[in-house]
Amino acid sequence: MAKFSSKEKIRAIRRYLEGTEGGKTIAKSIDVHPSMLYQWIKQYESLGENAFEKRYTSYSTQYKLDVLNYMNEQGTSIRETAALFNIPSYETLRKWKVAYETG
């Protein structure tokens, strides 16, 4: 999968938000899976352009538990929760959940 700069992501998001093109059409034109485009959109709606700043974060165990508890209490999906907490990849959150559930 290609890496996209924050400018490329924002350009694709703005195309979507303008409402003249559908998500699947935009995703196909930039060669990305539609679910990834929708993840970018959620991140952008939650945090604006700051959502795409590069960061290398190490999360504490307590933070991971807080995020998982929020997700369980609020009933948000993994993708929604990742966007709300500015976790770049929902797969990170999925790994935390699996680790928590398996002990």
PDB file of N, CA and C in Angstrom:
ATOM      1  N   MET A   1       0.840  -1.169   0.000  1.00  0.00           N
ATOM      2  CA  MET A   1       0.000   0.000   0.000  1.00  0.00           C
ATOM      3  C   MET A   1       0.889   1.237   0.000  1.00  0.00           C
ATOM      4  N   ALA A   2       0.509   2.222  -0.777  1.00  0.00           N
ATOM      5  CA  ALA A   2       1.266   3.455  -0.892  1.00  0.00           C
ATOM      6  C   ALA A   2       1.098   4.301   0.367  1.00  0.00           C
ATOM      7  N   LYS A   3       2.142   5.061   0.668  1.00  0.00           N
ATOM      8  CA  LYS A   3       2.059   6.023   1.758  1.00  0.00           C
ATOM      9  C   LYS A   3       1.572   7.338   1.173  1.00  0.00           C
ATOM     10  N   PHE A   4       0.730   8.020   1.906  1.00  0.00           N
ATOM     11  CA  PHE A   4       0.172   9.280   1.445  1.00  0.00           C
ATOM     12  C   PHE A   4       0.602  10.398   2.379  1.00  0.00           C
ATOM     13  N   SER A   5       0.973  11.519   1.797  1.00  0.00           N
ATOM     14  CA  SER A   5       1.316  12.680   2.608  1.00  0.00           C
ATOM     15  C   SER A   5       0.036  13.251   3.210  1.00  0.00           C
ATOM     16  N   SER A   6       0.202  14.076   4.216  1.00  0.00           N
ATOM     17  CA  SER A   6      -0.978  14.694   4.818  1.00  0.00           C
ATOM     18  C   SER A   6      -1.711  15.557   3.794  1.00  0.00           C
ATOM     19  N   LYS A   7      -0.987  16.214   2.907  1.00  0.00           N
ATOM     20  CA  LYS A   7      -1.628  17.039   1.871  1.00  0.00           C
ATOM     21  C   LYS A   7      -2.470  16.184   0.931  1.00  0.00           C
ATOM     22  N   GLU A   8      -1.968  15.018   0.562  1.00  0.00           N
ATOM     23  CA  GLU A   8      -2.722  14.120  -0.322  1.00  0.00           C
ATOM     24  C   GLU A   8      -3.992  13.624   0.362  1.00  0.00           C
ATOM     25  N   LYS A   9      -3.879  13.292   1.636  1.00  0.00           N
ATOM     26  CA  LYS A   9      -5.048  12.831   2.386  1.00  0.00           C
ATOM     27  C   LYS A   9      -6.102  13.932   2.469  1.00  0.00           C
ATOM     28  N   ILE A  10      -5.660  15.130   2.795  1.00  0.00           N
ATOM     29  CA  ILE A  10      -6.587  16.252   2.936  1.00  0.00           C
ATOM     30  C   ILE A  10      -7.240  16.584   1.599  1.00  0.00           C
ATOM     31  N   ARG A  11      -6.489  16.512   0.526  1.00  0.00           N
ATOM     32  CA  ARG A  11      -7.044  16.769  -0.804  1.00  0.00           C
ATOM     33  C   ARG A  11      -8.161  15.763  -1.116  1.00  0.00           C
ATOM     34  N   ALA A  12      -7.918  14.478  -0.808  1.00  0.00           N
ATOM     35  CA  ALA A  12      -8.934  13.444  -1.046  1.00  0.00           C
ATOM     36  C   ALA A  12     -10.157  13.667  -0.157  1.00  0.00           C
ATOM     37  N   ILE A  13      -9.930  14.034   1.088  1.00  0.00           N
ATOM     38  CA  ILE A  13     -11.032  14.286   2.025  1.00  0.00           C
ATOM     39  C   ILE A  13     -11.884  15.451   1.543  1.00  0.00           C
ATOM     40  N   ARG A  14     -11.244  16.504   1.099  1.00  0.00           N
ATOM     41  CA  ARG A  14     -11.991  17.680   0.619  1.00  0.00           C
ATOM     42  C   ARG A  14     -12.820  17.344  -0.613  1.00  0.00           C
ATOM     43  N   ARG A  15     -12.279  16.509  -1.479  1.00  0.00           N
ATOM     44  CA  ARG A  15     -13.064  16.060  -2.638  1.00  0.00           C
ATOM     45  C   ARG A  15     -14.347  15.384  -2.158  1.00  0.00           C
ATOM     46  N   TYR A  16     -14.205  14.550  -1.148  1.00  0.00           N
ATOM     47  CA  TYR A  16     -15.365  13.838  -0.608  1.00  0.00           C
ATOM     48  C   TYR A  16     -16.351  14.813   0.040  1.00  0.00           C
ATOM     49  N   LEU A  17     -15.825  15.723   0.851  1.00  0.00           N
ATOM     50  CA  LEU A  17     -16.689  16.646   1.585  1.00  0.00           C
ATOM     51  C   LEU A  17     -17.401  17.641   0.672  1.00  0.00           C
ATOM     52  N   GLU A  18     -16.839  17.903  -0.493  1.00  0.00           N
ATOM     53  CA  GLU A  18     -17.512  18.779  -1.458  1.00  0.00           C
ATOM     54  C   GLU A  18     -18.804  18.149  -1.963  1.00  0.00           C
ATOM     55  N   GLY A  19     -18.882  16.829  -1.893  1.00  0.00           N
ATOM     56  CA  GLY A  19     -20.110  16.133  -2.231  1.00  0.00           C
ATOM     57  C   GLY A  19     -20.332  15.843  -3.701  1.00  0.00           C
ATOM     58  N   THR A  20     -19.356  16.133  -4.539  1.00  0.00           N
ATOM     59  CA  THR A  20     -19.535  15.877  -5.973  1.00  0.00           C
ATOM     60  C   THR A  20     -19.042  14.500  -6.389  1.00  0.00           C
ATOM     61  N   GLU A  21     -18.279  13.852  -5.506  1.00  0.00           N
ATOM     62  CA  GLU A  21     -17.759  12.510  -5.793  1.00  0.00           C
ATOM     63  C   GLU A  21     -18.018  11.618  -4.590  1.00  0.00           C
ATOM     64  N   GLY A  22     -18.254  10.357  -4.859  1.00  0.00           N
ATOM     65  CA  GLY A  22     -18.443   9.393  -3.788  1.00  0.00           C
ATOM     66  C   GLY A  22     -17.115   8.870  -3.262  1.00  0.00           C
ATOM     67  N   GLY A  23     -17.163   8.314  -2.068  1.00  0.00           N
ATOM     68  CA  GLY A  23     -15.957   7.788  -1.443  1.00  0.00           C
ATOM     69  C   GLY A  23     -15.288   6.689  -2.245  1.00  0.00           C
ATOM     70  N   LYS A  24     -16.084   5.787  -2.798  1.00  0.00           N
ATOM     71  CA  LYS A  24     -15.503   4.684  -3.569  1.00  0.00           C
ATOM     72  C   LYS A  24     -14.802   5.194  -4.818  1.00  0.00           C
ATOM     73  N   THR A  25     -15.389   6.199  -5.461  1.00  0.00           N
ATOM     74  CA  THR A  25     -14.785   6.775  -6.662  1.00  0.00           C
ATOM     75  C   THR A  25     -13.454   7.436  -6.332  1.00  0.00           C
ATOM     76  N   ILE A  26     -13.437   8.211  -5.267  1.00  0.00           N
ATOM     77  CA  ILE A  26     -12.205   8.886  -4.856  1.00  0.00           C
ATOM     78  C   ILE A  26     -11.153   7.863  -4.462  1.00  0.00           C
ATOM     79  N   ALA A  27     -11.549   6.876  -3.668  1.00  0.00           N
ATOM     80  CA  ALA A  27     -10.605   5.848  -3.225  1.00  0.00           C
ATOM     81  C   ALA A  27      -9.981   5.137  -4.419  1.00  0.00           C
ATOM     82  N   LYS A  28     -10.802   4.800  -5.392  1.00  0.00           N
ATOM     83  CA  LYS A  28     -10.287   4.117  -6.580  1.00  0.00           C
ATOM     84  C   LYS A  28      -9.314   5.012  -7.342  1.00  0.00           C
ATOM     85  N   SER A  29      -9.616   6.301  -7.423  1.00  0.00           N
ATOM     86  CA  SER A  29      -8.765   7.213  -8.186  1.00  0.00           C
ATOM     87  C   SER A  29      -7.392   7.409  -7.555  1.00  0.00           C
ATOM     88  N   ILE A  30      -7.300   7.216  -6.239  1.00  0.00           N
ATOM     89  CA  ILE A  30      -5.996   7.360  -5.575  1.00  0.00           C
ATOM     90  C   ILE A  30      -5.411   6.011  -5.164  1.00  0.00           C
ATOM     91  N   ASP A  31      -6.084   4.945  -5.566  1.00  0.00           N
ATOM     92  CA  ASP A  31      -5.613   3.582  -5.322  1.00  0.00           C
ATOM     93  C   ASP A  31      -5.461   3.265  -3.834  1.00  0.00           C
ATOM     94  N   VAL A  32      -6.556   3.498  -3.110  1.00  0.00           N
ATOM     95  CA  VAL A  32      -6.601   3.160  -1.694  1.00  0.00           C
ATOM     96  C   VAL A  32      -7.949   2.487  -1.433  1.00  0.00           C
ATOM     97  N   HIS A  33      -8.008   1.605  -0.464  1.00  0.00           N
ATOM     98  CA  HIS A  33      -9.263   0.939  -0.122  1.00  0.00           C
ATOM     99  C   HIS A  33     -10.227   1.978   0.452  1.00  0.00           C
ATOM    100  N   PRO A  34     -11.497   1.909   0.080  1.00  0.00           N
ATOM    101  CA  PRO A  34     -12.470   2.889   0.589  1.00  0.00           C
ATOM    102  C   PRO A  34     -12.501   2.994   2.112  1.00  0.00           C
ATOM    103  N   SER A  35     -12.304   1.887   2.811  1.00  0.00           N
ATOM    104  CA  SER A  35     -12.338   1.945   4.277  1.00  0.00           C
ATOM    105  C   SER A  35     -11.232   2.842   4.824  1.00  0.00           C
ATOM    106  N   MET A  36     -10.097   2.887   4.139  1.00  0.00           N
ATOM    107  CA  MET A  36      -9.006   3.755   4.573  1.00  0.00           C
ATOM    108  C   MET A  36      -9.392   5.223   4.374  1.00  0.00           C
ATOM    109  N   LEU A  37      -9.999   5.524   3.237  1.00  0.00           N
ATOM    110  CA  LEU A  37     -10.454   6.896   2.993  1.00  0.00           C
ATOM    111  C   LEU A  37     -11.457   7.316   4.059  1.00  0.00           C
ATOM    112  N   TYR A  38     -12.392   6.439   4.401  1.00  0.00           N
ATOM    113  CA  TYR A  38     -13.390   6.776   5.418  1.00  0.00           C
ATOM    114  C   TYR A  38     -12.743   6.961   6.796  1.00  0.00           C
ATOM    115  N   GLN A  39     -11.682   6.221   7.058  1.00  0.00           N
ATOM    116  CA  GLN A  39     -10.941   6.408   8.310  1.00  0.00           C
ATOM    117  C   GLN A  39     -10.306   7.797   8.340  1.00  0.00           C
ATOM    118  N   TRP A  40      -9.694   8.195   7.227  1.00  0.00           N
ATOM    119  CA  TRP A  40      -9.110   9.543   7.147  1.00  0.00           C
ATOM    120  C   TRP A  40     -10.174  10.602   7.388  1.00  0.00           C
ATOM    121  N   ILE A  41     -11.341  10.401   6.805  1.00  0.00           N
ATOM    122  CA  ILE A  41     -12.433  11.375   6.944  1.00  0.00           C
ATOM    123  C   ILE A  41     -12.842  11.499   8.408  1.00  0.00           C
ATOM    124  N   LYS A  42     -12.978  10.374   9.103  1.00  0.00           N
ATOM    125  CA  LYS A  42     -13.337  10.409  10.526  1.00  0.00           C
ATOM    126  C   LYS A  42     -12.271  11.131  11.337  1.00  0.00           C
ATOM    127  N   GLN A  43     -11.004  10.842  11.039  1.00  0.00           N
ATOM    128  CA  GLN A  43      -9.921  11.513  11.752  1.00  0.00           C
ATOM    129  C   GLN A  43      -9.968  13.017  11.496  1.00  0.00           C
ATOM    130  N   TYR A  44     -10.191  13.391  10.257  1.00  0.00           N
ATOM    131  CA  TYR A  44     -10.242  14.802   9.878  1.00  0.00           C
ATOM    132  C   TYR A  44     -11.413  15.502  10.563  1.00  0.00           C
ATOM    133  N   GLU A  45     -12.557  14.851  10.602  1.00  0.00           N
ATOM    134  CA  GLU A  45     -13.729  15.446  11.243  1.00  0.00           C
ATOM    135  C   GLU A  45     -13.525  15.608  12.747  1.00  0.00           C
ATOM    136  N   SER A  46     -12.778  14.707  13.354  1.00  0.00           N
ATOM    137  CA  SER A  46     -12.534  14.783  14.795  1.00  0.00           C
ATOM    138  C   SER A  46     -11.452  15.787  15.158  1.00  0.00           C
ATOM    139  N   LEU A  47     -10.376  15.815  14.358  1.00  0.00           N
ATOM    140  CA  LEU A  47      -9.188  16.568  14.765  1.00  0.00           C
ATOM    141  C   LEU A  47      -8.682  17.579  13.748  1.00  0.00           C
ATOM    142  N   GLY A  48      -9.341  17.675  12.623  1.00  0.00           N
ATOM    143  CA  GLY A  48      -8.880  18.603  11.598  1.00  0.00           C
ATOM    144  C   GLY A  48      -7.582  18.136  10.962  1.00  0.00           C
ATOM    145  N   GLU A  49      -6.861  19.078  10.395  1.00  0.00           N
ATOM    146  CA  GLU A  49      -5.628  18.737   9.693  1.00  0.00           C
ATOM    147  C   GLU A  49      -4.552  18.183  10.616  1.00  0.00           C
ATOM    148  N   ASN A  50      -4.641  18.481  11.910  1.00  0.00           N
ATOM    149  CA  ASN A  50      -3.659  17.966  12.871  1.00  0.00           C
ATOM    150  C   ASN A  50      -3.685  16.445  12.975  1.00  0.00           C
ATOM    151  N   ALA A  51      -4.754  15.839  12.526  1.00  0.00           N
ATOM    152  CA  ALA A  51      -4.880  14.383  12.604  1.00  0.00           C
ATOM    153  C   ALA A  51      -3.789  13.679  11.816  1.00  0.00           C
ATOM    154  N   PHE A  52      -3.200  14.368  10.850  1.00  0.00           N
ATOM    155  CA  PHE A  52      -2.242  13.714   9.966  1.00  0.00           C
ATOM    156  C   PHE A  52      -0.795  14.124  10.214  1.00  0.00           C
ATOM    157  N   GLU A  53      -0.537  14.772  11.338  1.00  0.00           N
ATOM    158  CA  GLU A  53       0.839  15.086  11.693  1.00  0.00           C
ATOM    159  C   GLU A  53       1.557  13.793  12.051  1.00  0.00           C
ATOM    160  N   LYS A  54       2.792  13.708  11.638  1.00  0.00           N
ATOM    161  CA  LYS A  54       3.586  12.518  11.956  1.00  0.00           C
ATOM    162  C   LYS A  54       3.910  12.509  13.441  1.00  0.00           C
ATOM    163  N   ARG A  55       3.758  11.365  14.041  1.00  0.00           N
ATOM    164  CA  ARG A  55       4.114  11.219  15.446  1.00  0.00           C
ATOM    165  C   ARG A  55       4.452   9.757  15.715  1.00  0.00           C
ATOM    166  N   TYR A  56       5.336   9.582  16.621  1.00  0.00           N
ATOM    167  CA  TYR A  56       5.741   8.239  17.015  1.00  0.00           C
ATOM    168  C   TYR A  56       5.488   8.155  18.508  1.00  0.00           C
ATOM    169  N   THR A  57       4.399   7.526  18.846  1.00  0.00           N
ATOM    170  CA  THR A  57       3.912   7.554  20.212  1.00  0.00           C
ATOM    171  C   THR A  57       4.000   6.179  20.849  1.00  0.00           C
ATOM    172  N   SER A  58       4.417   6.195  22.087  1.00  0.00           N
ATOM    173  CA  SER A  58       4.371   4.994  22.905  1.00  0.00           C
ATOM    174  C   SER A  58       3.248   5.211  23.913  1.00  0.00           C
ATOM    175  N   TYR A  59       2.277   4.331  23.906  1.00  0.00           N
ATOM    176  CA  TYR A  59       1.106   4.491  24.757  1.00  0.00           C
ATOM    177  C   TYR A  59       1.281   3.705  26.053  1.00  0.00           C
ATOM    178  N   SER A  60       0.933   4.327  27.160  1.00  0.00           N
ATOM    179  CA  SER A  60       1.022   3.637  28.450  1.00  0.00           C
ATOM    180  C   SER A  60      -0.089   2.598  28.558  1.00  0.00           C
ATOM    181  N   THR A  61       0.112   1.652  29.438  1.00  0.00           N
ATOM    182  CA  THR A  61      -0.903   0.626  29.674  1.00  0.00           C
ATOM    183  C   THR A  61      -2.200   1.267  30.146  1.00  0.00           C
ATOM    184  N   GLN A  62      -2.091   2.254  31.031  1.00  0.00           N
ATOM    185  CA  GLN A  62      -3.290   2.922  31.538  1.00  0.00           C
ATOM    186  C   GLN A  62      -4.049   3.627  30.418  1.00  0.00           C
ATOM    187  N   TYR A  63      -3.326   4.273  29.511  1.00  0.00           N
ATOM    188  CA  TYR A  63      -3.975   4.954  28.387  1.00  0.00           C
ATOM    189  C   TYR A  63      -4.718   3.943  27.518  1.00  0.00           C
ATOM    190  N   LYS A  64      -4.083   2.817  27.243  1.00  0.00           N
ATOM    191  CA  LYS A  64      -4.722   1.775  26.436  1.00  0.00           C
ATOM    192  C   LYS A  64      -6.016   1.302  27.096  1.00  0.00           C
ATOM    193  N   LEU A  65      -5.956   1.084  28.407  1.00  0.00           N
ATOM    194  CA  LEU A  65      -7.151   0.651  29.136  1.00  0.00           C
ATOM    195  C   LEU A  65      -8.238   1.724  29.113  1.00  0.00           C
ATOM    196  N   ASP A  66      -7.840   2.982  29.249  1.00  0.00           N
ATOM    197  CA  ASP A  66      -8.805   4.080  29.205  1.00  0.00           C
ATOM    198  C   ASP A  66      -9.512   4.134  27.853  1.00  0.00           C
ATOM    199  N   VAL A  67      -8.750   3.954  26.785  1.00  0.00           N
ATOM    200  CA  VAL A  67      -9.330   3.977  25.440  1.00  0.00           C
ATOM    201  C   VAL A  67     -10.291   2.806  25.260  1.00  0.00           C
ATOM    202  N   LEU A  68      -9.867   1.612  25.677  1.00  0.00           N
ATOM    203  CA  LEU A  68     -10.735   0.435  25.555  1.00  0.00           C
ATOM    204  C   LEU A  68     -12.001   0.587  26.399  1.00  0.00           C
ATOM    205  N   ASN A  69     -11.857   1.139  27.601  1.00  0.00           N
ATOM    206  CA  ASN A  69     -13.029   1.369  28.452  1.00  0.00           C
ATOM    207  C   ASN A  69     -13.987   2.362  27.810  1.00  0.00           C
ATOM    208  N   TYR A  70     -13.445   3.417  27.223  1.00  0.00           N
ATOM    209  CA  TYR A  70     -14.291   4.392  26.537  1.00  0.00           C
ATOM    210  C   TYR A  70     -15.084   3.710  25.426  1.00  0.00           C
ATOM    211  N   MET A  71     -14.381   2.906  24.638  1.00  0.00           N
ATOM    212  CA  MET A  71     -15.021   2.223  23.520  1.00  0.00           C
ATOM    213  C   MET A  71     -16.156   1.328  24.021  1.00  0.00           C
ATOM    214  N   ASN A  72     -15.917   0.595  25.089  1.00  0.00           N
ATOM    215  CA  ASN A  72     -16.938  -0.300  25.639  1.00  0.00           C
ATOM    216  C   ASN A  72     -18.108   0.471  26.240  1.00  0.00           C
ATOM    217  N   GLU A  73     -17.812   1.535  26.982  1.00  0.00           N
ATOM    218  CA  GLU A  73     -18.866   2.295  27.651  1.00  0.00           C
ATOM    219  C   GLU A  73     -19.719   3.101  26.673  1.00  0.00           C
ATOM    220  N   GLN A  74     -19.081   3.657  25.652  1.00  0.00           N
ATOM    221  CA  GLN A  74     -19.797   4.513  24.702  1.00  0.00           C
ATOM    222  C   GLN A  74     -20.368   3.739  23.518  1.00  0.00           C
ATOM    223  N   GLY A  75     -19.890   2.511  23.330  1.00  0.00           N
ATOM    224  CA  GLY A  75     -20.379   1.700  22.224  1.00  0.00           C
ATOM    225  C   GLY A  75     -19.854   2.133  20.863  1.00  0.00           C
ATOM    226  N   THR A  76     -18.715   2.814  20.851  1.00  0.00           N
ATOM    227  CA  THR A  76     -18.138   3.245  19.576  1.00  0.00           C
ATOM    228  C   THR A  76     -17.386   2.086  18.931  1.00  0.00           C
ATOM    229  N   SER A  77     -17.285   2.134  17.622  1.00  0.00           N
ATOM    230  CA  SER A  77     -16.546   1.100  16.899  1.00  0.00           C
ATOM    231  C   SER A  77     -15.047   1.327  17.071  1.00  0.00           C
ATOM    232  N   ILE A  78     -14.278   0.333  16.672  1.00  0.00           N
ATOM    233  CA  ILE A  78     -12.823   0.465  16.736  1.00  0.00           C
ATOM    234  C   ILE A  78     -12.366   1.637  15.878  1.00  0.00           C
ATOM    235  N   ARG A  79     -12.910   1.754  14.681  1.00  0.00           N
ATOM    236  CA  ARG A  79     -12.517   2.853  13.783  1.00  0.00           C
ATOM    237  C   ARG A  79     -12.893   4.212  14.361  1.00  0.00           C
ATOM    238  N   GLU A  80     -14.101   4.325  14.900  1.00  0.00           N
ATOM    239  CA  GLU A  80     -14.532   5.593  15.493  1.00  0.00           C
ATOM    240  C   GLU A  80     -13.650   5.970  16.675  1.00  0.00           C
ATOM    241  N   THR A  81     -13.357   4.990  17.522  1.00  0.00           N
ATOM    242  CA  THR A  81     -12.545   5.245  18.703  1.00  0.00           C
ATOM    243  C   THR A  81     -11.137   5.668  18.309  1.00  0.00           C
ATOM    244  N   ALA A  82     -10.565   4.996  17.329  1.00  0.00           N
ATOM    245  CA  ALA A  82      -9.226   5.375  16.864  1.00  0.00           C
ATOM    246  C   ALA A  82      -9.224   6.817  16.373  1.00  0.00           C
ATOM    247  N   ALA A  83     -10.242   7.202  15.634  1.00  0.00           N
ATOM    248  CA  ALA A  83     -10.326   8.579  15.134  1.00  0.00           C
ATOM    249  C   ALA A  83     -10.485   9.570  16.284  1.00  0.00           C
ATOM    250  N   LEU A  84     -11.339   9.254  17.247  1.00  0.00           N
ATOM    251  CA  LEU A  84     -11.582  10.156  18.375  1.00  0.00           C
ATOM    252  C   LEU A  84     -10.330  10.393  19.212  1.00  0.00           C
ATOM    253  N   PHE A  85      -9.519   9.347  19.370  1.00  0.00           N
ATOM    254  CA  PHE A  85      -8.327   9.450  20.201  1.00  0.00           C
ATOM    255  C   PHE A  85      -7.062   9.717  19.386  1.00  0.00           C
ATOM    256  N   ASN A  86      -7.244   9.991  18.108  1.00  0.00           N
ATOM    257  CA  ASN A  86      -6.136  10.303  17.205  1.00  0.00           C
ATOM    258  C   ASN A  86      -5.083   9.198  17.191  1.00  0.00           C
ATOM    259  N   ILE A  87      -5.547   7.972  17.144  1.00  0.00           N
ATOM    260  CA  ILE A  87      -4.666   6.819  16.986  1.00  0.00           C
ATOM    261  C   ILE A  87      -4.618   6.548  15.488  1.00  0.00           C
ATOM    262  N   PRO A  88      -3.446   6.686  14.872  1.00  0.00           N
ATOM    263  CA  PRO A  88      -3.358   6.677  13.409  1.00  0.00           C
ATOM    264  C   PRO A  88      -3.951   5.457  12.721  1.00  0.00           C
ATOM    265  N   SER A  89      -3.851   4.306  13.334  1.00  0.00           N
ATOM    266  CA  SER A  89      -4.351   3.091  12.703  1.00  0.00           C
ATOM    267  C   SER A  89      -5.309   2.374  13.645  1.00  0.00           C
ATOM    268  N   TYR A  90      -6.480   2.069  13.131  1.00  0.00           N
ATOM    269  CA  TYR A  90      -7.430   1.325  13.960  1.00  0.00           C
ATOM    270  C   TYR A  90      -6.888  -0.059  14.287  1.00  0.00           C
ATOM    271  N   GLU A  91      -5.946  -0.555  13.493  1.00  0.00           N
ATOM    272  CA  GLU A  91      -5.346  -1.868  13.767  1.00  0.00           C
ATOM    273  C   GLU A  91      -4.595  -1.856  15.097  1.00  0.00           C
ATOM    274  N   THR A  92      -4.027  -0.724  15.456  1.00  0.00           N
ATOM    275  CA  THR A  92      -3.359  -0.596  16.757  1.00  0.00           C
ATOM    276  C   THR A  92      -4.358  -0.866  17.869  1.00  0.00           C
ATOM    277  N   LEU A  93      -5.502  -0.260  17.762  1.00  0.00           N
ATOM    278  CA  LEU A  93      -6.555  -0.440  18.760  1.00  0.00           C
ATOM    279  C   LEU A  93      -7.081  -1.872  18.764  1.00  0.00           C
ATOM    280  N   ARG A  94      -7.188  -2.460  17.587  1.00  0.00           N
ATOM    281  CA  ARG A  94      -7.635  -3.852  17.495  1.00  0.00           C
ATOM    282  C   ARG A  94      -6.650  -4.775  18.233  1.00  0.00           C
ATOM    283  N   LYS A  95      -5.364  -4.521  18.093  1.00  0.00           N
ATOM    284  CA  LYS A  95      -4.351  -5.327  18.791  1.00  0.00           C
ATOM    285  C   LYS A  95      -4.475  -5.171  20.297  1.00  0.00           C
ATOM    286  N   TRP A  96      -4.711  -3.941  20.758  1.00  0.00           N
ATOM    287  CA  TRP A  96      -4.904  -3.723  22.192  1.00  0.00           C
ATOM    288  C   TRP A  96      -6.093  -4.524  22.699  1.00  0.00           C
ATOM    289  N   LYS A  97      -7.165  -4.511  21.933  1.00  0.00           N
ATOM    290  CA  LYS A  97      -8.390  -5.210  22.340  1.00  0.00           C
ATOM    291  C   LYS A  97      -8.153  -6.715  22.423  1.00  0.00           C
ATOM    292  N   VAL A  98      -7.494  -7.276  21.432  1.00  0.00           N
ATOM    293  CA  VAL A  98      -7.203  -8.713  21.428  1.00  0.00           C
ATOM    294  C   VAL A  98      -6.311  -9.065  22.615  1.00  0.00           C
ATOM    295  N   ALA A  99      -5.285  -8.255  22.856  1.00  0.00           N
ATOM    296  CA  ALA A  99      -4.380  -8.513  23.978  1.00  0.00           C
ATOM    297  C   ALA A  99      -5.137  -8.458  25.305  1.00  0.00           C
ATOM    298  N   TYR A 100      -6.039  -7.510  25.436  1.00  0.00           N
ATOM    299  CA  TYR A 100      -6.829  -7.378  26.658  1.00  0.00           C
ATOM    300  C   TYR A 100      -7.746  -8.582  26.857  1.00  0.00           C
ATOM    301  N   GLU A 101      -8.386  -9.004  25.778  1.00  0.00           N
ATOM    302  CA  GLU A 101      -9.345 -10.109  25.868  1.00  0.00           C
ATOM    303  C   GLU A 101      -8.676 -11.457  26.102  1.00  0.00           C
ATOM    304  N   THR A 102      -7.443 -11.607  25.654  1.00  0.00           N
ATOM    305  CA  THR A 102      -6.747 -12.882  25.823  1.00  0.00           C
ATOM    306  C   THR A 102      -5.878 -12.906  27.074  1.00  0.00           C
ATOM    307  N   GLY A 103      -5.821 -11.780  27.774  1.00  0.00           N
ATOM    308  CA  GLY A 103      -5.107 -11.721  29.037  1.00  0.00           C
ATOM    309  C   GLY A 103      -3.672 -11.484  28.853  1.00  0.00           C
TER     310      GLY A 103
END
